[in-house]
PDB file of N, CA and C in Angstrom:
ATOM      1  N   MET A   1      -4.435  -2.970 -10.174  1.00  0.00           N
ATOM      2  CA  MET A   1      -3.671  -2.268  -9.151  1.00  0.00           C
ATOM      3  C   MET A   1      -3.889  -2.956  -7.806  1.00  0.00           C
ATOM      4  N   ALA A   2      -2.853  -2.963  -6.994  1.00  0.00           N
ATOM      5  CA  ALA A   2      -2.920  -3.597  -5.684  1.00  0.00           C
ATOM      6  C   ALA A   2      -3.851  -2.820  -4.758  1.00  0.00           C
ATOM      7  N   LYS A   3      -4.419  -3.530  -3.813  1.00  0.00           N
ATOM      8  CA  LYS A   3      -5.339  -2.924  -2.850  1.00  0.00           C
ATOM      9  C   LYS A   3      -4.844  -3.194  -1.434  1.00  0.00           C
ATOM     10  N   VAL A   4      -5.199  -2.299  -0.523  1.00  0.00           N
ATOM     11  CA  VAL A   4      -4.911  -2.482   0.895  1.00  0.00           C
ATOM     12  C   VAL A   4      -6.197  -2.291   1.681  1.00  0.00           C
ATOM     13  N   THR A   5      -6.362  -3.124   2.699  1.00  0.00           N
ATOM     14  CA  THR A   5      -7.496  -2.986   3.610  1.00  0.00           C
ATOM     15  C   THR A   5      -6.970  -2.396   4.909  1.00  0.00           C
ATOM     16  N   ILE A   6      -7.560  -1.276   5.299  1.00  0.00           N
ATOM     17  CA  ILE A   6      -7.128  -0.552   6.486  1.00  0.00           C
ATOM     18  C   ILE A   6      -8.246  -0.624   7.515  1.00  0.00           C
ATOM     19  N   THR A   7      -7.914  -1.011   8.752  1.00  0.00           N
ATOM     20  CA  THR A   7      -8.887  -1.116   9.835  1.00  0.00           C
ATOM     21  C   THR A   7      -8.431  -0.256  11.003  1.00  0.00           C
ATOM     22  N   LEU A   8      -9.342   0.564  11.513  1.00  0.00           N
ATOM     23  CA  LEU A   8      -9.029   1.397  12.682  1.00  0.00           C
ATOM     24  C   LEU A   8      -9.092   0.529  13.930  1.00  0.00           C
ATOM     25  N   LYS A   9      -7.991   0.454  14.665  1.00  0.00           N
ATOM     26  CA  LYS A   9      -7.896  -0.414  15.838  1.00  0.00           C
ATOM     27  C   LYS A   9      -7.898   0.340  17.160  1.00  0.00           C
ATOM     28  N   ARG A  10      -7.571   1.632  17.153  1.00  0.00           N
ATOM     29  CA  ARG A  10      -7.512   2.409  18.384  1.00  0.00           C
ATOM     30  C   ARG A  10      -8.343   3.668  18.230  1.00  0.00           C
ATOM     31  N   SER A  11      -8.763   4.224  19.342  1.00  0.00           N
ATOM     32  CA  SER A  11      -9.631   5.392  19.359  1.00  0.00           C
ATOM     33  C   SER A  11      -8.918   6.639  18.851  1.00  0.00           C
ATOM     34  N   LEU A  12      -9.705   7.556  18.292  1.00  0.00           N
ATOM     35  CA  LEU A  12      -9.178   8.836  17.823  1.00  0.00           C
ATOM     36  C   LEU A  12      -9.247   9.915  18.901  1.00  0.00           C
ATOM     37  N   ILE A  13      -9.848   9.587  20.039  1.00  0.00           N
ATOM     38  CA  ILE A  13     -10.002  10.560  21.119  1.00  0.00           C
ATOM     39  C   ILE A  13      -8.626  10.930  21.675  1.00  0.00           C
ATOM     40  N   GLY A  14      -8.362  12.221  21.772  1.00  0.00           N
ATOM     41  CA  GLY A  14      -7.119  12.716  22.344  1.00  0.00           C
ATOM     42  C   GLY A  14      -5.934  12.698  21.395  1.00  0.00           C
ATOM     43  N   ARG A  15      -6.154  12.397  20.124  1.00  0.00           N
ATOM     44  CA  ARG A  15      -5.068  12.370  19.135  1.00  0.00           C
ATOM     45  C   ARG A  15      -4.868  13.759  18.542  1.00  0.00           C
ATOM     46  N   LYS A  16      -3.764  13.938  17.855  1.00  0.00           N
ATOM     47  CA  LYS A  16      -3.498  15.205  17.173  1.00  0.00           C
ATOM     48  C   LYS A  16      -4.542  15.435  16.089  1.00  0.00           C
ATOM     49  N   LYS A  17      -4.842  16.693  15.847  1.00  0.00           N
ATOM     50  CA  LYS A  17      -5.878  17.023  14.864  1.00  0.00           C
ATOM     51  C   LYS A  17      -5.535  16.512  13.473  1.00  0.00           C
ATOM     52  N   ASN A  18      -4.254  16.563  13.096  1.00  0.00           N
ATOM     53  CA  ASN A  18      -3.902  16.084  11.761  1.00  0.00           C
ATOM     54  C   ASN A  18      -4.003  14.563  11.663  1.00  0.00           C
ATOM     55  N   HIS A  19      -3.841  13.842  12.753  1.00  0.00           N
ATOM     56  CA  HIS A  19      -3.996  12.393  12.736  1.00  0.00           C
ATOM     57  C   HIS A  19      -5.473  12.027  12.610  1.00  0.00           C
ATOM     58  N   ILE A  20      -6.326  12.772  13.292  1.00  0.00           N
ATOM     59  CA  ILE A  20      -7.769  12.541  13.176  1.00  0.00           C
ATOM     60  C   ILE A  20      -8.219  12.829  11.748  1.00  0.00           C
ATOM     61  N   ALA A  21      -7.728  13.921  11.171  1.00  0.00           N
ATOM     62  CA  ALA A  21      -8.089  14.282   9.806  1.00  0.00           C
ATOM     63  C   ALA A  21      -7.612  13.231   8.811  1.00  0.00           C
ATOM     64  N   THR A  22      -6.441  12.670   9.050  1.00  0.00           N
ATOM     65  CA  THR A  22      -5.918  11.625   8.175  1.00  0.00           C
ATOM     66  C   THR A  22      -6.788  10.378   8.238  1.00  0.00           C
ATOM     67  N   ALA A  23      -7.205   9.981   9.424  1.00  0.00           N
ATOM     68  CA  ALA A  23      -8.079   8.817   9.578  1.00  0.00           C
ATOM     69  C   ALA A  23      -9.400   9.056   8.863  1.00  0.00           C
ATOM     70  N   HIS A  24      -9.974  10.240   8.992  1.00  0.00           N
ATOM     71  CA  HIS A  24     -11.230  10.556   8.317  1.00  0.00           C
ATOM     72  C   HIS A  24     -11.051  10.546   6.800  1.00  0.00           C
ATOM     73  N   ALA A  25      -9.908  11.021   6.319  1.00  0.00           N
ATOM     74  CA  ALA A  25      -9.632  11.025   4.886  1.00  0.00           C
ATOM     75  C   ALA A  25      -9.524   9.602   4.337  1.00  0.00           C
ATOM     76  N   LEU A  26      -9.097   8.674   5.177  1.00  0.00           N
ATOM     77  CA  LEU A  26      -9.029   7.265   4.774  1.00  0.00           C
ATOM     78  C   LEU A  26     -10.381   6.571   4.928  1.00  0.00           C
ATOM     79  N   GLY A  27     -11.374   7.276   5.445  1.00  0.00           N
ATOM     80  CA  GLY A  27     -12.710   6.715   5.598  1.00  0.00           C
ATOM     81  C   GLY A  27     -12.900   5.968   6.895  1.00  0.00           C
ATOM     82  N   LEU A  28     -12.089   6.265   7.892  1.00  0.00           N
ATOM     83  CA  LEU A  28     -12.152   5.568   9.179  1.00  0.00           C
ATOM     84  C   LEU A  28     -12.657   6.530  10.246  1.00  0.00           C
ATOM     85  N   THR A  29     -13.807   6.211  10.840  1.00  0.00           N
ATOM     86  CA  THR A  29     -14.382   7.105  11.841  1.00  0.00           C
ATOM     87  C   THR A  29     -14.571   6.438  13.192  1.00  0.00           C
ATOM     88  N   LYS A  30     -14.846   5.141  13.208  1.00  0.00           N
ATOM     89  CA  LYS A  30     -15.076   4.422  14.460  1.00  0.00           C
ATOM     90  C   LYS A  30     -14.139   3.222  14.548  1.00  0.00           C
ATOM     91  N   ILE A  31     -13.882   2.779  15.758  1.00  0.00           N
ATOM     92  CA  ILE A  31     -13.046   1.598  15.956  1.00  0.00           C
ATOM     93  C   ILE A  31     -13.705   0.415  15.260  1.00  0.00           C
ATOM     94  N   GLY A  32     -12.924  -0.318  14.499  1.00  0.00           N
ATOM     95  CA  GLY A  32     -13.427  -1.482  13.786  1.00  0.00           C
ATOM     96  C   GLY A  32     -13.828  -1.183  12.353  1.00  0.00           C
ATOM     97  N   ASN A  33     -13.930   0.092  11.977  1.00  0.00           N
ATOM     98  CA  ASN A  33     -14.243   0.439  10.594  1.00  0.00           C
ATOM     99  C   ASN A  33     -13.099   0.008   9.688  1.00  0.00           C
ATOM    100  N   SER A  34     -13.453  -0.498   8.496  1.00  0.00           N
ATOM    101  CA  SER A  34     -12.456  -0.904   7.510  1.00  0.00           C
ATOM    102  C   SER A  34     -12.748  -0.231   6.188  1.00  0.00           C
ATOM    103  N   ASN A  35     -11.704  -0.061   5.411  1.00  0.00           N
ATOM    104  CA  ASN A  35     -11.857   0.505   4.086  1.00  0.00           C
ATOM    105  C   ASN A  35     -10.795  -0.112   3.193  1.00  0.00           C
ATOM    106  N   THR A  36     -11.179  -0.439   1.951  1.00  0.00           N
ATOM    107  CA  THR A  36     -10.241  -0.989   0.984  1.00  0.00           C
ATOM    108  C   THR A  36      -9.938   0.083  -0.046  1.00  0.00           C
ATOM    109  N   LEU A  37      -8.660   0.391  -0.184  1.00  0.00           N
ATOM    110  CA  LEU A  37      -8.225   1.464  -1.078  1.00  0.00           C
ATOM    111  C   LEU A  37      -7.110   0.969  -1.988  1.00  0.00           C
ATOM    112  N   ASN A  38      -6.906   1.692  -3.105  1.00  0.00           N
ATOM    113  CA  ASN A  38      -5.787   1.390  -3.986  1.00  0.00           C
ATOM    114  C   ASN A  38      -4.488   1.689  -3.259  1.00  0.00           C
ATOM    115  N   ASP A  39      -3.498   0.858  -3.491  1.00  0.00           N
ATOM    116  CA  ASP A  39      -2.196   1.019  -2.848  1.00  0.00           C
ATOM    117  C   ASP A  39      -1.336   1.945  -3.695  1.00  0.00           C
ATOM    118  N   ASN A  40      -1.115   3.162  -3.200  1.00  0.00           N
ATOM    119  CA  ASN A  40      -0.227   4.099  -3.891  1.00  0.00           C
ATOM    120  C   ASN A  40       0.562   4.891  -2.855  1.00  0.00           C
ATOM    121  N   ASP A  41       1.440   5.751  -3.324  1.00  0.00           N
ATOM    122  CA  ASP A  41       2.327   6.481  -2.418  1.00  0.00           C
ATOM    123  C   ASP A  41       1.560   7.393  -1.464  1.00  0.00           C
ATOM    124  N   ALA A  42       0.507   8.039  -1.950  1.00  0.00           N
ATOM    125  CA  ALA A  42      -0.268   8.944  -1.103  1.00  0.00           C
ATOM    126  C   ALA A  42      -0.929   8.185   0.039  1.00  0.00           C
ATOM    127  N   ILE A  43      -1.550   7.063  -0.272  1.00  0.00           N
ATOM    128  CA  ILE A  43      -2.214   6.248   0.752  1.00  0.00           C
ATOM    129  C   ILE A  43      -1.185   5.694   1.726  1.00  0.00           C
ATOM    130  N   ARG A  44      -0.046   5.234   1.227  1.00  0.00           N
ATOM    131  CA  ARG A  44       1.008   4.706   2.103  1.00  0.00           C
ATOM    132  C   ARG A  44       1.524   5.774   3.060  1.00  0.00           C
ATOM    133  N   GLY A  45       1.655   7.010   2.585  1.00  0.00           N
ATOM    134  CA  GLY A  45       2.081   8.099   3.453  1.00  0.00           C
ATOM    135  C   GLY A  45       1.079   8.364   4.557  1.00  0.00           C
ATOM    136  N   MET A  46      -0.216   8.309   4.219  1.00  0.00           N
ATOM    137  CA  MET A  46      -1.266   8.501   5.211  1.00  0.00           C
ATOM    138  C   MET A  46      -1.248   7.373   6.237  1.00  0.00           C
ATOM    139  N   ILE A  47      -1.035   6.147   5.762  1.00  0.00           N
ATOM    140  CA  ILE A  47      -0.963   4.999   6.665  1.00  0.00           C
ATOM    141  C   ILE A  47       0.232   5.138   7.606  1.00  0.00           C
ATOM    142  N   ASN A  48       1.369   5.583   7.087  1.00  0.00           N
ATOM    143  CA  ASN A  48       2.557   5.753   7.928  1.00  0.00           C
ATOM    144  C   ASN A  48       2.330   6.799   9.005  1.00  0.00           C
ATOM    145  N   THR A  49       1.545   7.831   8.692  1.00  0.00           N
ATOM    146  CA  THR A  49       1.269   8.881   9.671  1.00  0.00           C
ATOM    147  C   THR A  49       0.504   8.341  10.870  1.00  0.00           C
ATOM    148  N   ILE A  50      -0.460   7.449  10.627  1.00  0.00           N
ATOM    149  CA  ILE A  50      -1.290   6.930  11.724  1.00  0.00           C
ATOM    150  C   ILE A  50      -1.104   5.425  11.902  1.00  0.00           C
ATOM    151  N   SER A  51       0.110   4.952  11.664  1.00  0.00           N
ATOM    152  CA  SER A  51       0.373   3.510  11.717  1.00  0.00           C
ATOM    153  C   SER A  51       0.086   2.910  13.090  1.00  0.00           C
ATOM    154  N   TYR A  52       0.195   3.697  14.151  1.00  0.00           N
ATOM    155  CA  TYR A  52      -0.052   3.193  15.510  1.00  0.00           C
ATOM    156  C   TYR A  52      -1.546   3.048  15.814  1.00  0.00           C
ATOM    157  N   LEU A  53      -2.407   3.535  14.915  1.00  0.00           N
ATOM    158  CA  LEU A  53      -3.847   3.467  15.116  1.00  0.00           C
ATOM    159  C   LEU A  53      -4.528   2.404  14.246  1.00  0.00           C
ATOM    160  N   VAL A  54      -3.852   1.952  13.197  1.00  0.00           N
ATOM    161  CA  VAL A  54      -4.506   1.113  12.195  1.00  0.00           C
ATOM    162  C   VAL A  54      -3.811  -0.230  12.024  1.00  0.00           C
ATOM    163  N   ASP A  55      -4.568  -1.142  11.418  1.00  0.00           N
ATOM    164  CA  ASP A  55      -4.054  -2.451  11.009  1.00  0.00           C
ATOM    165  C   ASP A  55      -4.188  -2.511   9.493  1.00  0.00           C
ATOM    166  N   VAL A  56      -3.121  -2.880   8.794  1.00  0.00           N
ATOM    167  CA  VAL A  56      -3.106  -2.866   7.328  1.00  0.00           C
ATOM    168  C   VAL A  56      -2.891  -4.276   6.816  1.00  0.00           C
ATOM    169  N   LYS A  57      -3.707  -4.681   5.849  1.00  0.00           N
ATOM    170  CA  LYS A  57      -3.576  -5.982   5.202  1.00  0.00           C
ATOM    171  C   LYS A  57      -3.600  -5.795   3.694  1.00  0.00           C
ATOM    172  N   GLU A  58      -2.769  -6.549   3.012  1.00  0.00           N
ATOM    173  CA  GLU A  58      -2.788  -6.534   1.553  1.00  0.00           C
ATOM    174  C   GLU A  58      -4.023  -7.278   1.078  1.00  0.00           C
ATOM    175  N   ALA A  59      -4.791  -6.648   0.206  1.00  0.00           N
ATOM    176  CA  ALA A  59      -6.030  -7.289  -0.253  1.00  0.00           C
ATOM    177  C   ALA A  59      -5.877  -7.765  -1.683  1.00  0.00           C
TER     178      ALA A  59
END
């Protein structure tokens, strides 16, 4: 299965509560944190929600 590497690039301070919760669900808590996850529809939806905060690379 394909993988994606997600890196938090912007701060979560002052963001909507559901955007903060989405970042935490992806395993991102601090700027610069990265996580590699399976690429599926659920993960893609979460990435689309906080696309302005993260950098995504195909792994």
